[in-house]
Amino acid sequence: MICKKNRLGFTLVELLVVIAIIGVLVGLLLPAVQAAREAARRMQCSNNLKQMGLAIHNHESSFKYMPAAEKDLPAATYPSPPNPYGSLATYGTLFHLLPFMEQMNIYNLVDTKRSYIDPVNMQPPYGTASPLAASPVSTFLCPSAPANAPSDYGPYFASVGLDLGPYVAPRTDYIPIKGLHRSLAVCAGKANTTTQNGLLGTSDPEKKPHIKFGEVSDGLSNTILFAELAGRQKLYFRGKPLPGNSLADGGLTLNSYYGDSNTAREMRGYSGADILNPTQAGCSAINVMNLNGPYAFHPGGVLIAMGDGSVHFLSDSVSTIVFAGLVTRDGGESVSLEQ
């Protein structure tokens, strides 16, 4: 008598059913995992802005004014030897926050009595020999933004006639708010002029370093201090990279270096009909293009820090009238984040 052994195992049909079930589970769980990861990244981004807001308050408490969005050093007291490149531009707002963010060691790498475009602060062969080139600050980087390489200022310097070769600089995904660009002013129904009346900007050169909290008549809680402007080593339009367009071309990388005074921007308004998609008419300000307006890689909007240090998520559908009102520090507009 021959006994047949029963073979244990999956039939082909059973195997296919198991694979199908696993596929369904992965399809259900993957979006949840991705959402959880983005929530963690967004929380870290929010914490970065909170640290920057706290640093502004500590600076104002120590010096009785906020650090300048932009400032030229006085030519009469510029140290010897003079800057052969002629620039008197000093370091920007974010750089001057470093001592209040436990980054004094980075702050001390340069001579703040000299321009950031000065051979003393850009030792040859420039490039990675620059004191700040190897000193990125994680607080200035949003974890949701693409991990692009540091900014190369070489093309910018070449565009203005300075043959300095490569000059690598650590980037930032956040910007100080300097004022309203005329494009946003027009979108918001204002005059066709650019004004530097943001929380960290003024058109009065005598007051650039000396804006105080008490001069913010619209209220610190109603005025934007910092906003995301991320991924600026490449050009992005409505979430998609523009092929063949790099911010290193034509010197546009200038506003992505945390030490640069040009990091501060006047906020721009965009009309979809004027850029790439003629079917999207009308004015927008948030998440259109990462050139001179708030831009983030969080779904649905950007994170902003207000003058009082609070951090909020601003929807990309916000009215340009409301956004423009939140940009100005003394415009007298009756707007708030709840609108």
C-alpha atoms as a PDB file:
ATOM      1  CA  MET A   1       0.000   0.000   0.000  1.00  0.00           C
ATOM      2  CA  ILE A   2       1.467   3.330  -1.075  1.00  0.00           C
ATOM      3  CA  CYS A   3       0.841   6.374   1.156  1.00  0.00           C
ATOM      4  CA  LYS A   4       0.804   9.758  -0.511  1.00  0.00           C
ATOM      5  CA  LYS A   5       2.141  12.654   1.555  1.00  0.00           C
ATOM      6  CA  ASN A   6       0.134  15.855   1.568  1.00  0.00           C
ATOM      7  CA  ARG A   7       2.296  18.771   0.468  1.00  0.00           C
ATOM      8  CA  LEU A   8       1.868  21.900   2.559  1.00  0.00           C
ATOM      9  CA  GLY A   9       2.103  25.241   0.757  1.00  0.00           C
ATOM     10  CA  PHE A  10       0.294  27.951  -1.135  1.00  0.00           C
ATOM     11  CA  THR A  11      -1.512  27.315  -4.322  1.00  0.00           C
ATOM     12  CA  LEU A  12      -0.985  29.841  -7.076  1.00  0.00           C
ATOM     13  CA  VAL A  13      -4.396  31.355  -6.414  1.00  0.00           C
ATOM     14  CA  GLU A  14      -3.680  31.731  -2.702  1.00  0.00           C
ATOM     15  CA  LEU A  15      -0.318  33.340  -3.432  1.00  0.00           C
ATOM     16  CA  LEU A  16      -1.920  35.854  -5.760  1.00  0.00           C
ATOM     17  CA  VAL A  17      -4.545  36.675  -3.135  1.00  0.00           C
ATOM     18  CA  VAL A  18      -1.851  37.288  -0.498  1.00  0.00           C
ATOM     19  CA  ILE A  19       0.117  39.528  -2.877  1.00  0.00           C
ATOM     20  CA  ALA A  20      -3.041  41.473  -3.688  1.00  0.00           C
ATOM     21  CA  ILE A  21      -3.821  41.952   0.020  1.00  0.00           C
ATOM     22  CA  ILE A  22      -0.276  43.154   0.707  1.00  0.00           C
ATOM     23  CA  GLY A  23      -0.539  45.575  -2.207  1.00  0.00           C
ATOM     24  CA  VAL A  24      -3.799  46.984  -0.866  1.00  0.00           C
ATOM     25  CA  LEU A  25      -2.319  47.394   2.625  1.00  0.00           C
ATOM     26  CA  VAL A  26       0.744  49.174   1.248  1.00  0.00           C
ATOM     27  CA  GLY A  27      -1.494  51.434  -0.804  1.00  0.00           C
ATOM     28  CA  LEU A  28      -3.514  52.288   2.291  1.00  0.00           C
ATOM     29  CA  LEU A  29      -0.593  52.742   4.671  1.00  0.00           C
ATOM     30  CA  LEU A  30       1.912  54.548   2.445  1.00  0.00           C
ATOM     31  CA  PRO A  31      -0.027  57.850   2.277  1.00  0.00           C
ATOM     32  CA  ALA A  32      -0.447  57.739   6.059  1.00  0.00           C
ATOM     33  CA  VAL A  33       3.296  57.175   6.541  1.00  0.00           C
ATOM     34  CA  GLN A  34       4.116  59.990   4.123  1.00  0.00           C
ATOM     35  CA  ALA A  35       1.656  62.300   5.874  1.00  0.00           C
ATOM     36  CA  ALA A  36       3.195  61.468   9.255  1.00  0.00           C
ATOM     37  CA  ARG A  37       6.668  62.222   7.929  1.00  0.00           C
ATOM     38  CA  GLU A  38       5.537  65.541   6.467  1.00  0.00           C
ATOM     39  CA  ALA A  39       3.830  66.427   9.748  1.00  0.00           C
ATOM     40  CA  ALA A  40       7.142  65.834  11.547  1.00  0.00           C
ATOM     41  CA  ARG A  41       9.030  67.918   8.981  1.00  0.00           C
ATOM     42  CA  ARG A  42       6.483  70.709   9.232  1.00  0.00           C
ATOM     43  CA  MET A  43       6.793  70.672  13.038  1.00  0.00           C
ATOM     44  CA  GLN A  44      10.578  71.007  12.729  1.00  0.00           C
ATOM     45  CA  CYS A  45      10.137  73.856  10.249  1.00  0.00           C
ATOM     46  CA  SER A  46       7.786  75.581  12.689  1.00  0.00           C
ATOM     47  CA  ASN A  47      10.333  75.152  15.482  1.00  0.00           C
ATOM     48  CA  ASN A  48      13.011  76.727  13.275  1.00  0.00           C
ATOM     49  CA  LEU A  49      10.878  79.826  12.785  1.00  0.00           C
ATOM     50  CA  LYS A  50      10.090  79.986  16.507  1.00  0.00           C
ATOM     51  CA  GLN A  51      13.816  79.985  17.292  1.00  0.00           C
ATOM     52  CA  MET A  52      14.383  82.760  14.766  1.00  0.00           C
ATOM     53  CA  GLY A  53      11.521  84.801  16.214  1.00  0.00           C
ATOM     54  CA  LEU A  54      12.890  84.361  19.734  1.00  0.00           C
ATOM     55  CA  ALA A  55      16.328  85.450  18.513  1.00  0.00           C
ATOM     56  CA  ILE A  56      14.821  88.656  17.067  1.00  0.00           C
ATOM     57  CA  HIS A  57      13.208  89.449  20.420  1.00  0.00           C
ATOM     58  CA  ASN A  58      16.457  88.817  22.271  1.00  0.00           C
ATOM     59  CA  HIS A  59      18.317  91.053  19.811  1.00  0.00           C
ATOM     60  CA  GLU A  60      15.763  93.839  20.233  1.00  0.00           C
ATOM     61  CA  SER A  61      15.948  93.465  23.995  1.00  0.00           C
ATOM     62  CA  SER A  62      19.746  93.757  23.918  1.00  0.00           C
ATOM     63  CA  PHE A  63      20.164  96.532  21.334  1.00  0.00           C
ATOM     64  CA  LYS A  64      16.716  98.195  21.451  1.00  0.00           C
ATOM     65  CA  TYR A  65      16.231  97.665  17.717  1.00  0.00           C
ATOM     66  CA  MET A  66      15.890  94.776  15.270  1.00  0.00           C
ATOM     67  CA  PRO A  67      18.829  93.715  13.076  1.00  0.00           C
ATOM     68  CA  ALA A  68      18.879  95.487   9.734  1.00  0.00           C
ATOM     69  CA  ALA A  69      17.395  93.867   6.663  1.00  0.00           C
ATOM     70  CA  GLU A  70      20.083  95.673   4.709  1.00  0.00           C
ATOM     71  CA  LYS A  71      22.749  98.155   5.643  1.00  0.00           C
ATOM     72  CA  ASP A  72      25.830  99.784   4.124  1.00  0.00           C
ATOM     73  CA  LEU A  73      28.830 100.328   6.338  1.00  0.00           C
ATOM     74  CA  PRO A  74      29.971 103.960   6.646  1.00  0.00           C
ATOM     75  CA  ALA A  75      32.713 104.637   4.100  1.00  0.00           C
ATOM     76  CA  ALA A  76      34.467 107.124   6.388  1.00  0.00           C
ATOM     77  CA  THR A  77      35.171 104.509   9.058  1.00  0.00           C
ATOM     78  CA  TYR A  78      35.791 101.478   6.825  1.00  0.00           C
ATOM     79  CA  PRO A  79      38.944  99.679   8.028  1.00  0.00           C
ATOM     80  CA  SER A  80      42.199  99.804   6.103  1.00  0.00           C
ATOM     81  CA  PRO A  81      42.907  98.504   3.561  1.00  0.00           C
ATOM     82  CA  PRO A  82      39.727  99.525   1.715  1.00  0.00           C
ATOM     83  CA  ASN A  83      37.636  96.957  -0.084  1.00  0.00           C
ATOM     84  CA  PRO A  84      39.043  96.656  -3.636  1.00  0.00           C
ATOM     85  CA  TYR A  85      35.603  95.533  -4.849  1.00  0.00           C
ATOM     86  CA  GLY A  86      33.973  98.735  -3.626  1.00  0.00           C
ATOM     87  CA  SER A  87      31.103  97.112  -1.727  1.00  0.00           C
ATOM     88  CA  LEU A  88      30.053  98.522   1.645  1.00  0.00           C
ATOM     89  CA  ALA A  89      27.187  96.031   2.076  1.00  0.00           C
ATOM     90  CA  THR A  90      27.241  94.339   5.447  1.00  0.00           C
ATOM     91  CA  TYR A  91      25.807  91.018   6.554  1.00  0.00           C
ATOM     92  CA  GLY A  92      22.031  90.617   6.753  1.00  0.00           C
ATOM     93  CA  THR A  93      19.408  89.967   9.419  1.00  0.00           C
ATOM     94  CA  LEU A  94      19.834  86.206   9.702  1.00  0.00           C
ATOM     95  CA  PHE A  95      23.583  86.467  10.186  1.00  0.00           C
ATOM     96  CA  HIS A  96      23.118  88.924  13.056  1.00  0.00           C
ATOM     97  CA  LEU A  97      20.800  86.454  14.793  1.00  0.00           C
ATOM     98  CA  LEU A  98      23.589  83.874  15.138  1.00  0.00           C
ATOM     99  CA  PRO A  99      24.831  85.096  18.557  1.00  0.00           C
ATOM    100  CA  PHE A 100      21.270  84.689  19.861  1.00  0.00           C
ATOM    101  CA  MET A 101      20.983  81.143  18.484  1.00  0.00           C
ATOM    102  CA  GLU A 102      24.066  79.676  20.193  1.00  0.00           C
ATOM    103  CA  GLN A 103      26.077  80.127  16.985  1.00  0.00           C
ATOM    104  CA  MET A 104      28.628  82.684  18.164  1.00  0.00           C
ATOM    105  CA  ASN A 105      31.448  80.508  16.820  1.00  0.00           C
ATOM    106  CA  ILE A 106      30.117  81.009  13.281  1.00  0.00           C
ATOM    107  CA  TYR A 107      29.477  84.715  13.826  1.00  0.00           C
ATOM    108  CA  ASN A 108      33.120  85.169  14.831  1.00  0.00           C
ATOM    109  CA  LEU A 109      34.413  83.650  11.587  1.00  0.00           C
ATOM    110  CA  VAL A 110      34.156  86.976   9.751  1.00  0.00           C
ATOM    111  CA  ASP A 111      35.032  90.624  10.304  1.00  0.00           C
ATOM    112  CA  THR A 112      31.662  92.358  10.627  1.00  0.00           C
ATOM    113  CA  LYS A 113      33.323  95.756  10.227  1.00  0.00           C
ATOM    114  CA  ARG A 114      33.951  94.811   6.609  1.00  0.00           C
ATOM    115  CA  SER A 115      31.611  93.988   3.742  1.00  0.00           C
ATOM    116  CA  TYR A 116      30.755  90.369   3.099  1.00  0.00           C
ATOM    117  CA  ILE A 117      32.179  91.053  -0.390  1.00  0.00           C
ATOM    118  CA  ASP A 118      35.661  91.865   0.926  1.00  0.00           C
ATOM    119  CA  PRO A 119      38.828  89.786   0.434  1.00  0.00           C
ATOM    120  CA  VAL A 120      39.241  89.600   4.217  1.00  0.00           C
ATOM    121  CA  ASN A 121      35.895  87.783   4.422  1.00  0.00           C
ATOM    122  CA  MET A 122      36.384  85.817   1.191  1.00  0.00           C
ATOM    123  CA  GLN A 123      39.879  84.384   1.401  1.00  0.00           C
ATOM    124  CA  PRO A 124      41.193  83.143  -1.959  1.00  0.00           C
ATOM    125  CA  PRO A 125      40.578  80.828  -3.638  1.00  0.00           C
ATOM    126  CA  TYR A 126      37.132  81.774  -2.368  1.00  0.00           C
ATOM    127  CA  GLY A 127      34.950  78.742  -3.028  1.00  0.00           C
ATOM    128  CA  THR A 128      35.095  76.361  -0.074  1.00  0.00           C
ATOM    129  CA  ALA A 129      37.830  78.461   1.562  1.00  0.00           C
ATOM    130  CA  SER A 130      35.212  81.074   2.473  1.00  0.00           C
ATOM    131  CA  PRO A 131      34.842  81.167   6.290  1.00  0.00           C
ATOM    132  CA  LEU A 132      31.093  80.524   6.174  1.00  0.00           C
ATOM    133  CA  ALA A 133      31.113  78.017   3.302  1.00  0.00           C
ATOM    134  CA  ALA A 134      31.481  75.057   5.653  1.00  0.00           C
ATOM    135  CA  SER A 135      29.117  76.524   8.251  1.00  0.00           C
ATOM    136  CA  PRO A 136      25.508  75.775   7.321  1.00  0.00           C
ATOM    137  CA  VAL A 137      22.968  76.422  10.074  1.00  0.00           C
ATOM    138  CA  SER A 138      20.312  73.712  10.314  1.00  0.00           C
ATOM    139  CA  THR A 139      17.815  76.152  11.865  1.00  0.00           C
ATOM    140  CA  PHE A 140      17.811  78.086   8.581  1.00  0.00           C
ATOM    141  CA  LEU A 141      16.859  74.996   6.537  1.00  0.00           C
ATOM    142  CA  CYS A 142      13.364  73.552   6.134  1.00  0.00           C
ATOM    143  CA  PRO A 143      13.452  69.723   6.171  1.00  0.00           C
ATOM    144  CA  SER A 144      10.629  69.593   3.594  1.00  0.00           C
ATOM    145  CA  ALA A 145      12.660  71.553   1.027  1.00  0.00           C
ATOM    146  CA  PRO A 146      14.824  69.785  -1.571  1.00  0.00           C
ATOM    147  CA  ALA A 147      18.341  69.087  -0.317  1.00  0.00           C
ATOM    148  CA  ASN A 148      20.035  71.286  -2.878  1.00  0.00           C
ATOM    149  CA  ALA A 149      23.730  72.108  -2.824  1.00  0.00           C
ATOM    150  CA  PRO A 150      25.011  75.323  -1.219  1.00  0.00           C
ATOM    151  CA  SER A 151      24.727  78.492  -3.270  1.00  0.00           C
ATOM    152  CA  ASP A 152      27.526  79.334  -5.694  1.00  0.00           C
ATOM    153  CA  TYR A 153      27.832  83.105  -5.967  1.00  0.00           C
ATOM    154  CA  GLY A 154      30.379  82.868  -8.769  1.00  0.00           C
ATOM    155  CA  PRO A 155      27.848  83.539 -11.583  1.00  0.00           C
ATOM    156  CA  TYR A 156      26.465  86.554  -9.721  1.00  0.00           C
ATOM    157  CA  PHE A 157      29.889  88.091  -9.189  1.00  0.00           C
ATOM    158  CA  ALA A 158      30.717  87.473 -12.855  1.00  0.00           C
ATOM    159  CA  SER A 159      27.467  89.195 -13.888  1.00  0.00           C
ATOM    160  CA  VAL A 160      28.566  92.393 -12.103  1.00  0.00           C
ATOM    161  CA  GLY A 161      32.127  92.257 -13.416  1.00  0.00           C
ATOM    162  CA  LEU A 162      33.912  90.630 -10.454  1.00  0.00           C
ATOM    163  CA  ASP A 163      36.095  87.711 -11.495  1.00  0.00           C
ATOM    164  CA  LEU A 164      36.159  85.815  -8.201  1.00  0.00           C
ATOM    165  CA  GLY A 165      35.613  82.314  -9.483  1.00  0.00           C
ATOM    166  CA  PRO A 166      33.363  80.032  -7.414  1.00  0.00           C
ATOM    167  CA  TYR A 167      32.136  81.327  -4.075  1.00  0.00           C
ATOM    168  CA  VAL A 168      30.143  78.774  -2.119  1.00  0.00           C
ATOM    169  CA  ALA A 169      27.776  80.073   0.538  1.00  0.00           C
ATOM    170  CA  PRO A 170      25.405  78.263   2.919  1.00  0.00           C
ATOM    171  CA  ARG A 171      21.770  78.822   2.037  1.00  0.00           C
ATOM    172  CA  THR A 172      18.568  79.579   3.906  1.00  0.00           C
ATOM    173  CA  ASP A 173      14.967  78.540   3.264  1.00  0.00           C
ATOM    174  CA  TYR A 174      13.587  81.509   5.247  1.00  0.00           C
ATOM    175  CA  ILE A 175      13.570  85.206   4.464  1.00  0.00           C
ATOM    176  CA  PRO A 176      13.194  88.410   6.455  1.00  0.00           C
ATOM    177  CA  ILE A 177      10.326  90.565   5.163  1.00  0.00           C
ATOM    178  CA  LYS A 178      11.468  93.929   3.847  1.00  0.00           C
ATOM    179  CA  GLY A 179       8.296  95.335   2.292  1.00  0.00           C
ATOM    180  CA  LEU A 180       5.861  95.260  -0.635  1.00  0.00           C
ATOM    181  CA  HIS A 181       6.932  94.868  -4.234  1.00  0.00           C
ATOM    182  CA  ARG A 182       4.818  96.933  -6.604  1.00  0.00           C
ATOM    183  CA  SER A 183       3.419  93.741  -8.187  1.00  0.00           C
ATOM    184  CA  LEU A 184       1.856  92.709  -4.863  1.00  0.00           C
ATOM    185  CA  ALA A 185       0.751  96.280  -4.189  1.00  0.00           C
ATOM    186  CA  VAL A 186      -1.152  96.347  -7.488  1.00  0.00           C
ATOM    187  CA  CYS A 187      -2.698  92.919  -6.814  1.00  0.00           C
ATOM    188  CA  ALA A 188      -3.872  94.240  -3.444  1.00  0.00           C
ATOM    189  CA  GLY A 189      -5.368  97.401  -4.953  1.00  0.00           C
ATOM    190  CA  LYS A 190      -2.584  99.714  -3.802  1.00  0.00           C
ATOM    191  CA  ALA A 191      -0.439 102.183  -5.714  1.00  0.00           C
ATOM    192  CA  ASN A 192       2.012 100.801  -8.282  1.00  0.00           C
ATOM    193  CA  THR A 193       5.077 101.420  -6.109  1.00  0.00           C
ATOM    194  CA  THR A 194       7.570  99.311  -4.172  1.00  0.00           C
ATOM    195  CA  THR A 195       7.758 100.204  -0.491  1.00  0.00           C
ATOM    196  CA  GLN A 196      10.153  99.003   2.190  1.00  0.00           C
ATOM    197  CA  ASN A 197       7.724  99.198   5.077  1.00  0.00           C
ATOM    198  CA  GLY A 198       7.900  95.595   6.235  1.00  0.00           C
ATOM    199  CA  LEU A 199       8.923  94.664   9.742  1.00  0.00           C
ATOM    200  CA  LEU A 200      12.626  94.650   8.832  1.00  0.00           C
ATOM    201  CA  GLY A 201      12.832  97.242   6.080  1.00  0.00           C
ATOM    202  CA  THR A 202      12.581 100.971   5.569  1.00  0.00           C
ATOM    203  CA  SER A 203      13.228 103.355   2.700  1.00  0.00           C
ATOM    204  CA  ASP A 204      14.891 105.765   5.137  1.00  0.00           C
ATOM    205  CA  PRO A 205      18.629 104.899   4.971  1.00  0.00           C
ATOM    206  CA  GLU A 206      19.243 106.605   8.310  1.00  0.00           C
ATOM    207  CA  LYS A 207      16.879 104.177  10.059  1.00  0.00           C
ATOM    208  CA  LYS A 208      17.746 100.873   8.420  1.00  0.00           C
ATOM    209  CA  PRO A 209      19.479  99.440  11.507  1.00  0.00           C
ATOM    210  CA  HIS A 210      17.122 101.043  13.999  1.00  0.00           C
ATOM    211  CA  ILE A 211      13.560  99.739  13.607  1.00  0.00           C
ATOM    212  CA  LYS A 212      12.115  99.211  17.067  1.00  0.00           C
ATOM    213  CA  PHE A 213       9.129  97.189  18.212  1.00  0.00           C
ATOM    214  CA  GLY A 214       7.427 100.420  19.248  1.00  0.00           C
ATOM    215  CA  GLU A 215       7.482 101.642  15.642  1.00  0.00           C
ATOM    216  CA  VAL A 216       5.261  98.770  14.454  1.00  0.00           C
ATOM    217  CA  SER A 217       1.942 100.599  14.568  1.00  0.00           C
ATOM    218  CA  ASP A 218       0.006  97.727  12.939  1.00  0.00           C
ATOM    219  CA  GLY A 219       0.974  95.498  15.872  1.00  0.00           C
ATOM    220  CA  LEU A 220       3.582  92.753  16.085  1.00  0.00           C
ATOM    221  CA  SER A 221       0.920  90.026  16.010  1.00  0.00           C
ATOM    222  CA  ASN A 222      -0.440  91.429  12.721  1.00  0.00           C
ATOM    223  CA  THR A 223       2.884  91.818  10.893  1.00  0.00           C
ATOM    224  CA  ILE A 224       4.933  89.062   9.250  1.00  0.00           C
ATOM    225  CA  LEU A 225       8.549  88.824  10.368  1.00  0.00           C
ATOM    226  CA  PHE A 226       9.853  85.783   8.448  1.00  0.00           C
ATOM    227  CA  ALA A 227       8.387  83.586   5.717  1.00  0.00           C
ATOM    228  CA  GLU A 228       9.475  80.446   3.945  1.00  0.00           C
ATOM    229  CA  LEU A 229      11.100  80.911   0.547  1.00  0.00           C
ATOM    230  CA  ALA A 230      12.564  77.472  -0.016  1.00  0.00           C
ATOM    231  CA  GLY A 231      14.484  75.523  -2.634  1.00  0.00           C
ATOM    232  CA  ARG A 232      16.141  78.533  -4.207  1.00  0.00           C
ATOM    233  CA  GLN A 233      19.006  76.766  -5.907  1.00  0.00           C
ATOM    234  CA  LYS A 234      16.395  75.849  -8.513  1.00  0.00           C
ATOM    235  CA  LEU A 235      13.383  77.687  -9.864  1.00  0.00           C
ATOM    236  CA  TYR A 236      10.020  76.170  -8.956  1.00  0.00           C
ATOM    237  CA  PHE A 237       6.610  77.158 -10.274  1.00  0.00           C
ATOM    238  CA  ARG A 238       3.489  75.865  -8.503  1.00  0.00           C
ATOM    239  CA  GLY A 239       5.282  72.816  -7.108  1.00  0.00           C
ATOM    240  CA  LYS A 240       7.202  71.834 -10.231  1.00  0.00           C
ATOM    241  CA  PRO A 241      10.845  72.577 -11.083  1.00  0.00           C
ATOM    242  CA  LEU A 242      11.386  74.618 -14.210  1.00  0.00           C
ATOM    243  CA  PRO A 243      13.800  72.693 -16.462  1.00  0.00           C
ATOM    244  CA  GLY A 244      16.980  74.497 -17.392  1.00  0.00           C
ATOM    245  CA  ASN A 245      16.431  77.280 -14.865  1.00  0.00           C
ATOM    246  CA  SER A 246      18.819  77.631 -11.969  1.00  0.00           C
ATOM    247  CA  LEU A 247      19.084  80.522  -9.576  1.00  0.00           C
ATOM    248  CA  ALA A 248      22.822  80.445 -10.234  1.00  0.00           C
ATOM    249  CA  ASP A 249      22.113  81.761 -13.741  1.00  0.00           C
ATOM    250  CA  GLY A 250      22.194  85.523 -14.078  1.00  0.00           C
ATOM    251  CA  GLY A 251      23.135  86.087 -10.459  1.00  0.00           C
ATOM    252  CA  LEU A 252      19.737  85.153  -9.043  1.00  0.00           C
ATOM    253  CA  THR A 253      21.304  83.000  -6.349  1.00  0.00           C
ATOM    254  CA  LEU A 254      22.049  86.218  -4.457  1.00  0.00           C
ATOM    255  CA  ASN A 255      19.034  86.005  -2.177  1.00  0.00           C
ATOM    256  CA  SER A 256      19.583  82.460  -0.881  1.00  0.00           C
ATOM    257  CA  TYR A 257      22.670  82.963   1.334  1.00  0.00           C
ATOM    258  CA  TYR A 258      21.875  83.478   5.026  1.00  0.00           C
ATOM    259  CA  GLY A 259      24.702  85.992   5.448  1.00  0.00           C
ATOM    260  CA  ASP A 260      23.611  88.199   2.567  1.00  0.00           C
ATOM    261  CA  SER A 261      21.654  91.406   3.183  1.00  0.00           C
ATOM    262  CA  ASN A 262      19.803  90.698  -0.074  1.00  0.00           C
ATOM    263  CA  THR A 263      18.198  87.661   1.553  1.00  0.00           C
ATOM    264  CA  ALA A 264      15.495  90.068   2.777  1.00  0.00           C
ATOM    265  CA  ARG A 265      12.896  90.581   0.059  1.00  0.00           C
ATOM    266  CA  GLU A 266       9.979  92.789  -0.895  1.00  0.00           C
ATOM    267  CA  MET A 267       7.020  90.427  -1.221  1.00  0.00           C
ATOM    268  CA  ARG A 268       5.849  89.935  -4.790  1.00  0.00           C
ATOM    269  CA  GLY A 269       2.411  89.206  -6.178  1.00  0.00           C
ATOM    270  CA  TYR A 270       1.985  86.988  -9.222  1.00  0.00           C
ATOM    271  CA  SER A 271      -0.614  86.667 -11.929  1.00  0.00           C
ATOM    272  CA  GLY A 272      -0.758  83.199 -13.435  1.00  0.00           C
ATOM    273  CA  ALA A 273      -1.619  84.734 -16.790  1.00  0.00           C
ATOM    274  CA  ASP A 274       1.672  86.630 -16.786  1.00  0.00           C
ATOM    275  CA  ILE A 275       3.988  83.713 -16.100  1.00  0.00           C
ATOM    276  CA  LEU A 276       3.605  80.239 -17.555  1.00  0.00           C
ATOM    277  CA  ASN A 277      -0.037  79.250 -17.492  1.00  0.00           C
ATOM    278  CA  PRO A 278      -2.395  81.632 -19.315  1.00  0.00           C
ATOM    279  CA  THR A 279      -5.430  79.757 -17.983  1.00  0.00           C
ATOM    280  CA  GLN A 280      -4.684  80.774 -14.393  1.00  0.00           C
ATOM    281  CA  ALA A 281      -5.583  84.444 -14.403  1.00  0.00           C
ATOM    282  CA  GLY A 282      -5.735  86.557 -11.281  1.00  0.00           C
ATOM    283  CA  CYS A 283      -3.339  87.546  -8.536  1.00  0.00           C
ATOM    284  CA  SER A 284      -1.658  85.140  -6.152  1.00  0.00           C
ATOM    285  CA  ALA A 285       1.072  85.582  -3.575  1.00  0.00           C
ATOM    286  CA  ILE A 286       1.710  82.209  -1.918  1.00  0.00           C
ATOM    287  CA  ASN A 287       3.405  79.168  -3.497  1.00  0.00           C
ATOM    288  CA  VAL A 288       3.497  80.517  -7.049  1.00  0.00           C
ATOM    289  CA  MET A 289       7.233  80.929  -7.723  1.00  0.00           C
ATOM    290  CA  ASN A 290      10.201  80.728  -5.356  1.00  0.00           C
ATOM    291  CA  LEU A 291      11.844  83.916  -6.530  1.00  0.00           C
ATOM    292  CA  ASN A 292      10.497  86.807  -4.464  1.00  0.00           C
ATOM    293  CA  GLY A 293       7.382  85.504  -2.769  1.00  0.00           C
ATOM    294  CA  PRO A 294       6.604  82.996   0.004  1.00  0.00           C
ATOM    295  CA  TYR A 295       7.164  79.470  -1.245  1.00  0.00           C
ATOM    296  CA  ALA A 296       7.229  76.162   0.628  1.00  0.00           C
ATOM    297  CA  PHE A 297       7.098  72.436   0.023  1.00  0.00           C
ATOM    298  CA  HIS A 298       4.313  71.849   2.550  1.00  0.00           C
ATOM    299  CA  PRO A 299       0.947  70.992   0.977  1.00  0.00           C
ATOM    300  CA  GLY A 300      -1.457  73.916   0.907  1.00  0.00           C
ATOM    301  CA  GLY A 301       0.591  76.850   2.138  1.00  0.00           C
ATOM    302  CA  VAL A 302       3.659  78.219   3.903  1.00  0.00           C
ATOM    303  CA  LEU A 303       4.782  78.760   7.469  1.00  0.00           C
ATOM    304  CA  ILE A 304       5.321  82.313   8.658  1.00  0.00           C
ATOM    305  CA  ALA A 305       6.616  83.877  11.865  1.00  0.00           C
ATOM    306  CA  MET A 306       4.874  86.999  13.110  1.00  0.00           C
ATOM    307  CA  GLY A 307       6.498  89.898  14.899  1.00  0.00           C
ATOM    308  CA  ASP A 308       5.329  88.620  18.282  1.00  0.00           C
ATOM    309  CA  GLY A 309       7.239  85.365  17.687  1.00  0.00           C
ATOM    310  CA  SER A 310       4.177  83.209  16.982  1.00  0.00           C
ATOM    311  CA  VAL A 311       4.263  80.832  14.005  1.00  0.00           C
ATOM    312  CA  HIS A 312       1.288  80.207  11.719  1.00  0.00           C
ATOM    313  CA  PHE A 313       0.428  78.275   8.571  1.00  0.00           C
ATOM    314  CA  LEU A 314      -0.697  80.642   5.815  1.00  0.00           C
ATOM    315  CA  SER A 315      -2.906  79.067   3.149  1.00  0.00           C
ATOM    316  CA  ASP A 316      -1.850  79.513  -0.462  1.00  0.00           C
ATOM    317  CA  SER A 317      -5.402  80.682  -1.189  1.00  0.00           C
ATOM    318  CA  VAL A 318      -5.098  83.712   1.105  1.00  0.00           C
ATOM    319  CA  SER A 319      -6.305  86.980  -0.394  1.00  0.00           C
ATOM    320  CA  THR A 320      -3.527  89.233  -1.695  1.00  0.00           C
ATOM    321  CA  ILE A 321      -5.266  92.101   0.125  1.00  0.00           C
ATOM    322  CA  VAL A 322      -4.922  90.268   3.439  1.00  0.00           C
ATOM    323  CA  PHE A 323      -1.370  89.158   2.711  1.00  0.00           C
ATOM    324  CA  ALA A 324      -0.247  92.655   1.699  1.00  0.00           C
ATOM    325  CA  GLY A 325      -1.766  94.017   4.901  1.00  0.00           C
ATOM    326  CA  LEU A 326       0.157  91.466   6.963  1.00  0.00           C
ATOM    327  CA  VAL A 327       3.418  92.482   5.264  1.00  0.00           C
ATOM    328  CA  THR A 328       3.325  96.178   6.184  1.00  0.00           C
ATOM    329  CA  ARG A 329       4.191  97.298   9.695  1.00  0.00           C
ATOM    330  CA  ASP A 330       2.504 100.709   9.525  1.00  0.00           C
ATOM    331  CA  GLY A 331      -0.038 100.517   6.697  1.00  0.00           C
ATOM    332  CA  GLY A 332      -3.086 100.905   8.936  1.00  0.00           C
ATOM    333  CA  GLU A 333      -4.895  98.004   7.216  1.00  0.00           C
ATOM    334  CA  SER A 334      -7.635  96.225   9.125  1.00  0.00           C
ATOM    335  CA  VAL A 335      -6.508  92.640   8.450  1.00  0.00           C
ATOM    336  CA  SER A 336      -5.612  89.636  10.562  1.00  0.00           C
ATOM    337  CA  LEU A 337      -4.581  86.007  10.185  1.00  0.00           C
ATOM    338  CA  GLU A 338      -8.166  84.913  10.780  1.00  0.00           C
ATOM    339  CA  GLN A 339      -9.380  86.488   7.532  1.00  0.00           C
END
